[in-house]
Amino acid sequence: MEQEPPRILVVDDEPDMCWALENILRPAGYAVTDTTSGAEALELVVRERYAVAFVDAKLPDLDGLELTALIRQQSPHTAVVLISGYFYEEDRSITEGLQKGLFIGFIAKPFDLEEIRRMACQAVERARGVEEQGG
């Protein structure tokens, strides 16, 4: 039986960013769903199982860190990568989120193609490890 590709959720209020991430990740073998809404992202996480969620730190309807905490609550196996136009040194809440383990990594915009692919691969492996441990 053929294994389904890992599912990735992209949440960014900029449709161009969603499109860019989708066009980086799909050719690398991932099944990608994207949304520009934090509320819709939560609905998707409840309905579908995602290995990884790339979440923008600043969304119009939900703060990215708040959304990350809600995703982790609804779907503990989903690895979250925060993306932002701010460097984490500039935003204390991002540093605190990393320290608390809300997300496994941080990528600053504009991002590098290889960095996105590498982070997706690491996040999928981490999500598989959590699933295997029964998380």
Protein backbone atom coordinates (compact mmCIF):
# COMPACT_ATOMS: atom_id res chain seq x y z
CA MET A 1 0.00 0.00 0.00
CA GLU A 2 1.33 3.41 -0.98
CA GLN A 3 1.95 5.80 1.90
CA GLU A 4 0.21 9.17 1.72
CA PRO A 5 2.49 12.22 1.57
CA PRO A 6 2.90 14.15 4.82
CA ARG A 7 0.24 16.85 5.17
CA ILE A 8 1.32 20.42 5.81
CA LEU A 9 -0.89 23.35 6.77
CA VAL A 10 0.23 26.85 5.81
CA VAL A 11 -1.40 29.79 7.62
CA ASP A 12 -0.46 33.28 6.45
CA ASP A 13 -2.59 36.39 5.98
CA GLU A 14 -0.75 37.12 2.73
CA PRO A 15 -2.08 34.91 -0.10
CA ASP A 16 1.24 35.37 -1.95
CA MET A 17 3.09 33.83 1.01
CA CYS A 18 0.69 30.88 1.06
CA TRP A 19 1.24 30.43 -2.67
CA ALA A 20 5.04 30.67 -2.29
CA LEU A 21 5.19 28.11 0.52
CA GLU A 22 2.85 25.78 -1.34
CA ASN A 23 5.06 25.99 -4.44
CA ILE A 24 8.15 25.18 -2.36
CA LEU A 25 6.60 22.28 -0.46
CA ARG A 26 4.41 20.48 -3.03
CA PRO A 27 7.28 19.64 -5.40
CA ALA A 28 9.17 18.29 -2.37
CA GLY A 29 6.42 15.68 -1.93
CA TYR A 30 4.12 17.24 0.66
CA ALA A 31 0.34 17.56 0.54
CA VAL A 32 -0.26 21.24 1.29
CA THR A 33 -3.39 23.03 2.46
CA ASP A 34 -3.29 26.77 2.98
CA THR A 35 -5.48 29.42 4.54
CA THR A 36 -5.25 33.11 5.33
CA SER A 37 -7.43 32.77 8.45
CA GLY A 38 -6.50 31.58 11.92
CA ALA A 39 -10.09 30.52 12.60
CA GLU A 40 -10.19 28.44 9.42
CA ALA A 41 -6.82 26.91 10.33
CA LEU A 42 -8.31 25.70 13.62
CA GLU A 43 -11.27 24.16 11.79
CA LEU A 44 -8.87 22.39 9.42
CA VAL A 45 -6.76 21.03 12.29
CA VAL A 46 -9.88 19.61 13.95
CA ARG A 47 -11.00 17.90 10.70
CA GLU A 48 -7.65 16.79 9.22
CA ARG A 49 -4.39 15.40 10.55
CA TYR A 50 -1.36 17.55 9.71
CA ALA A 51 2.25 16.61 10.37
CA VAL A 52 3.35 20.24 10.24
CA ALA A 53 1.79 23.70 10.38
CA PHE A 54 3.68 26.77 9.17
CA VAL A 55 2.01 29.64 11.05
CA ASP A 56 2.52 33.37 10.48
CA ALA A 57 3.17 35.24 13.73
CA LYS A 58 0.81 38.10 12.81
CA LEU A 59 -2.67 37.17 11.60
CA PRO A 60 -5.66 39.52 11.41
CA ASP A 61 -8.07 37.31 13.38
CA LEU A 62 -5.75 35.48 15.81
CA ASP A 63 -2.27 36.15 17.09
CA GLY A 64 0.12 33.56 15.65
CA LEU A 65 1.29 32.44 19.10
CA GLU A 66 -2.29 32.10 20.29
CA LEU A 67 -3.12 30.05 17.20
CA THR A 68 -0.03 27.91 17.77
CA ALA A 69 -1.14 27.13 21.33
CA LEU A 70 -4.64 26.22 20.09
CA ILE A 71 -3.23 23.98 17.34
CA ARG A 72 -1.00 22.20 19.87
CA GLN A 73 -4.01 21.77 22.15
CA GLN A 74 -6.21 20.31 19.38
CA SER A 75 -3.47 18.33 17.67
CA PRO A 76 -0.44 17.59 19.91
CA HIS A 77 1.27 15.55 17.18
CA THR A 78 1.36 18.53 14.78
CA ALA A 79 4.76 20.20 14.72
CA VAL A 80 4.47 23.98 14.35
CA VAL A 81 6.96 26.27 12.63
CA LEU A 82 6.43 29.98 13.20
CA ILE A 83 7.10 32.35 10.29
CA SER A 84 7.41 36.10 10.65
CA GLY A 85 8.70 39.27 9.13
CA TYR A 86 10.29 39.99 12.51
CA PHE A 87 13.45 38.40 13.83
CA TYR A 88 12.80 36.48 17.00
CA GLU A 89 15.29 38.62 18.90
CA GLU A 90 13.00 41.59 18.19
CA ASP A 91 9.86 39.92 19.56
CA ARG A 92 10.06 38.59 23.11
CA SER A 93 6.87 36.53 22.67
CA ILE A 94 8.53 34.57 19.86
CA THR A 95 11.55 33.81 22.07
CA GLU A 96 9.23 32.74 24.89
CA GLY A 97 7.23 30.52 22.52
CA LEU A 98 10.40 28.74 21.44
CA GLN A 99 11.49 28.27 25.06
CA LYS A 100 8.07 26.87 26.04
CA GLY A 101 8.09 24.47 23.09
CA LEU A 102 4.98 25.92 21.44
CA PHE A 103 6.73 25.60 18.10
CA ILE A 104 9.81 23.72 16.97
CA GLY A 105 11.37 26.41 14.85
CA PHE A 106 11.22 29.92 13.55
CA ILE A 107 11.75 31.18 10.00
CA ALA A 108 12.08 34.88 9.20
CA LYS A 109 10.65 36.39 6.01
CA PRO A 110 11.92 36.62 3.37
CA PHE A 111 12.79 32.97 3.68
CA ASP A 112 15.21 30.73 1.88
CA LEU A 113 13.83 27.83 -0.20
CA GLU A 114 16.22 25.30 1.29
CA GLU A 115 15.52 26.50 4.81
CA ILE A 116 11.79 25.87 4.28
CA ARG A 117 12.41 22.38 2.87
CA ARG A 118 14.84 21.52 5.67
CA MET A 119 12.46 22.77 8.36
CA ALA A 120 9.55 20.83 6.81
CA CYS A 121 11.61 17.64 6.77
CA GLN A 122 12.71 18.11 10.39
CA ALA A 123 9.16 18.91 11.48
CA VAL A 124 7.71 15.84 9.71
CA GLU A 125 10.32 13.62 11.36
CA ARG A 126 9.52 15.13 14.76
CA ALA A 127 5.77 14.68 14.20
CA ARG A 128 6.35 11.01 13.27
CA GLY A 129 8.34 10.54 16.46
CA VAL A 130 5.52 12.01 18.55
CA GLU A 131 2.98 9.75 16.81
CA GLU A 132 5.13 6.67 17.38
CA GLN A 133 5.33 7.53 21.09
CA GLY A 134 1.54 7.74 21.18
CA GLY A 135 1.22 11.56 21.27
